[in-house]
């Protein structure tokens, strides 16, 4: 999660996700997800003048509370920290919106991480 960590630092969200805050559930894009972005977009989002946009994107990947994969049900939705909902699809594996959950239930000190593609 190197690219995600860099983005969280740029958005000043790393501290918010650390104990004693939380628990949180993070739908964490793999580094490959970031490399599939259009050329230059990631570096552009890291610029201070784009911090609001970057924060909004990252908060879309975070839900309050510890939600393990066993807690998910088909059609379930959850409100993210940016106020938008994410939807769960269990018809073919585990999908969060259009992203596949490739590694579920990675334990963290203040919640859970689900790696998505």
Protein backbone atom coordinates (compact mmCIF):
# COMPACT_ATOMS: atom_id res chain seq x y z
CA UNK A 1 0.00 0.00 0.00
CA UNK A 2 2.90 2.37 -0.71
CA UNK A 3 0.96 4.67 -3.02
CA UNK A 4 -2.01 4.77 -0.65
CA UNK A 5 0.26 5.65 2.27
CA UNK A 6 1.76 8.49 0.25
CA UNK A 7 -1.73 9.79 -0.59
CA UNK A 8 -2.91 9.53 3.03
CA UNK A 9 0.13 11.51 4.16
CA UNK A 10 -0.45 14.19 1.51
CA UNK A 11 -4.08 14.54 2.64
CA UNK A 12 -3.08 14.59 6.33
CA UNK A 13 -5.28 11.56 6.99
CA UNK A 14 -2.63 9.21 8.40
CA UNK A 15 -2.96 10.67 11.89
CA UNK A 16 -6.74 10.51 11.79
CA UNK A 17 -6.57 6.80 10.99
CA UNK A 18 -4.17 6.09 13.86
CA UNK A 19 -5.11 5.09 17.39
CA UNK A 20 -6.85 6.29 19.50
CA UNK A 21 -9.17 7.24 16.63
CA UNK A 22 -11.40 4.63 15.12
CA UNK A 23 -12.17 1.91 14.60
CA UNK A 24 -12.30 2.32 10.83
CA UNK A 25 -12.71 0.08 7.82
CA UNK A 26 -10.42 1.02 4.95
CA UNK A 27 -11.05 -0.22 1.42
CA UNK A 28 -7.43 0.07 0.36
CA UNK A 29 -6.59 0.18 -3.34
CA UNK A 30 -3.53 -1.86 -4.26
CA UNK A 31 -0.57 -0.02 -5.75
CA UNK A 32 -1.59 -1.44 -9.15
CA UNK A 33 -4.85 0.50 -8.92
CA UNK A 34 -2.91 3.76 -8.67
CA UNK A 35 -0.63 2.87 -11.57
CA UNK A 36 -3.68 2.36 -13.77
CA UNK A 37 -4.64 6.04 -13.35
CA UNK A 38 -3.99 8.36 -16.30
CA UNK A 39 -0.39 9.56 -16.52
CA UNK A 40 0.35 12.37 -14.08
CA UNK A 41 -2.97 12.24 -12.23
CA UNK A 42 -1.62 10.75 -9.01
CA UNK A 43 1.23 13.29 -8.76
CA UNK A 44 -1.26 16.07 -9.55
CA UNK A 45 -3.55 14.95 -6.71
CA UNK A 46 -0.60 15.04 -4.27
CA UNK A 47 -0.08 18.79 -4.84
CA UNK A 48 -1.14 20.99 -1.91
CA UNK A 49 -3.66 22.87 -4.05
CA UNK A 50 -5.50 19.58 -4.71
CA UNK A 51 -5.62 18.43 -1.07
CA UNK A 52 -9.41 18.86 -0.84
CA UNK A 53 -10.04 16.67 -3.86
CA UNK A 54 -7.54 14.06 -2.66
CA UNK A 55 -9.10 14.03 0.82
CA UNK A 56 -12.57 13.54 -0.67
CA UNK A 57 -11.36 10.61 -2.79
CA UNK A 58 -9.58 8.95 0.14
CA UNK A 59 -12.47 9.46 2.57
CA UNK A 60 -14.67 7.67 0.03
CA UNK A 61 -12.60 4.55 0.85
CA UNK A 62 -13.14 4.74 4.64
CA UNK A 63 -16.15 3.66 6.70
CA UNK A 64 -16.49 4.24 10.44
CA UNK A 65 -16.45 1.06 12.50
CA UNK A 66 -14.80 -2.30 12.07
CA UNK A 67 -16.58 -4.18 9.26
CA UNK A 68 -15.17 -7.64 8.58
CA UNK A 69 -15.95 -9.51 5.36
CA UNK A 70 -18.24 -11.85 7.34
CA UNK A 71 -20.32 -8.81 8.30
CA UNK A 72 -21.09 -7.98 4.66
CA UNK A 73 -24.32 -8.97 2.95
CA UNK A 74 -25.40 -8.71 -0.67
CA UNK A 75 -27.00 -5.34 -1.40
CA UNK A 76 -25.69 -3.79 1.79
CA UNK A 77 -24.51 -0.19 1.62
CA UNK A 78 -22.40 1.86 3.95
CA UNK A 79 -21.76 5.56 4.37
CA UNK A 80 -18.16 6.61 3.84
CA UNK A 81 -16.39 9.44 5.62
CA UNK A 82 -17.02 11.75 2.66
CA UNK A 83 -20.79 11.15 2.99
CA UNK A 84 -21.25 8.97 -0.09
CA UNK A 85 -22.41 5.36 0.04
CA UNK A 86 -20.57 2.26 -1.12
CA UNK A 87 -22.50 -0.83 -2.16
CA UNK A 88 -21.68 -4.48 -1.52
CA UNK A 89 -22.15 -7.12 -4.23
CA UNK A 90 -21.62 -10.75 -3.23
CA UNK A 91 -22.92 -12.33 -6.45
CA UNK A 92 -19.41 -13.22 -7.69
CA UNK A 93 -16.88 -12.90 -4.87
CA UNK A 94 -16.90 -9.68 -2.87
CA UNK A 95 -17.23 -6.38 -4.69
CA UNK A 96 -17.33 -2.91 -3.22
CA UNK A 97 -19.01 -0.91 -5.95
CA UNK A 98 -17.00 -1.97 -9.03
CA UNK A 99 -13.84 -3.01 -7.17
CA UNK A 100 -13.01 -6.60 -6.27
CA UNK A 101 -11.96 -7.29 -2.70
CA UNK A 102 -8.74 -9.22 -3.29
CA UNK A 103 -7.52 -9.56 0.31
CA UNK A 104 -10.17 -9.19 3.01
CA UNK A 105 -9.81 -8.76 6.75
CA UNK A 106 -6.30 -7.41 7.19
CA UNK A 107 -6.19 -6.59 10.89
CA UNK A 108 -5.03 -3.10 11.88
CA UNK A 109 -4.52 -1.58 15.30
CA UNK A 110 -7.68 0.48 15.00
CA UNK A 111 -9.86 -1.40 12.55
CA UNK A 112 -9.72 -3.50 9.44
CA UNK A 113 -8.32 -3.15 5.92
CA UNK A 114 -9.75 -4.77 2.83
CA UNK A 115 -7.44 -4.65 -0.22
CA UNK A 116 -9.30 -3.82 -3.43
CA UNK A 117 -8.21 -3.74 -7.03
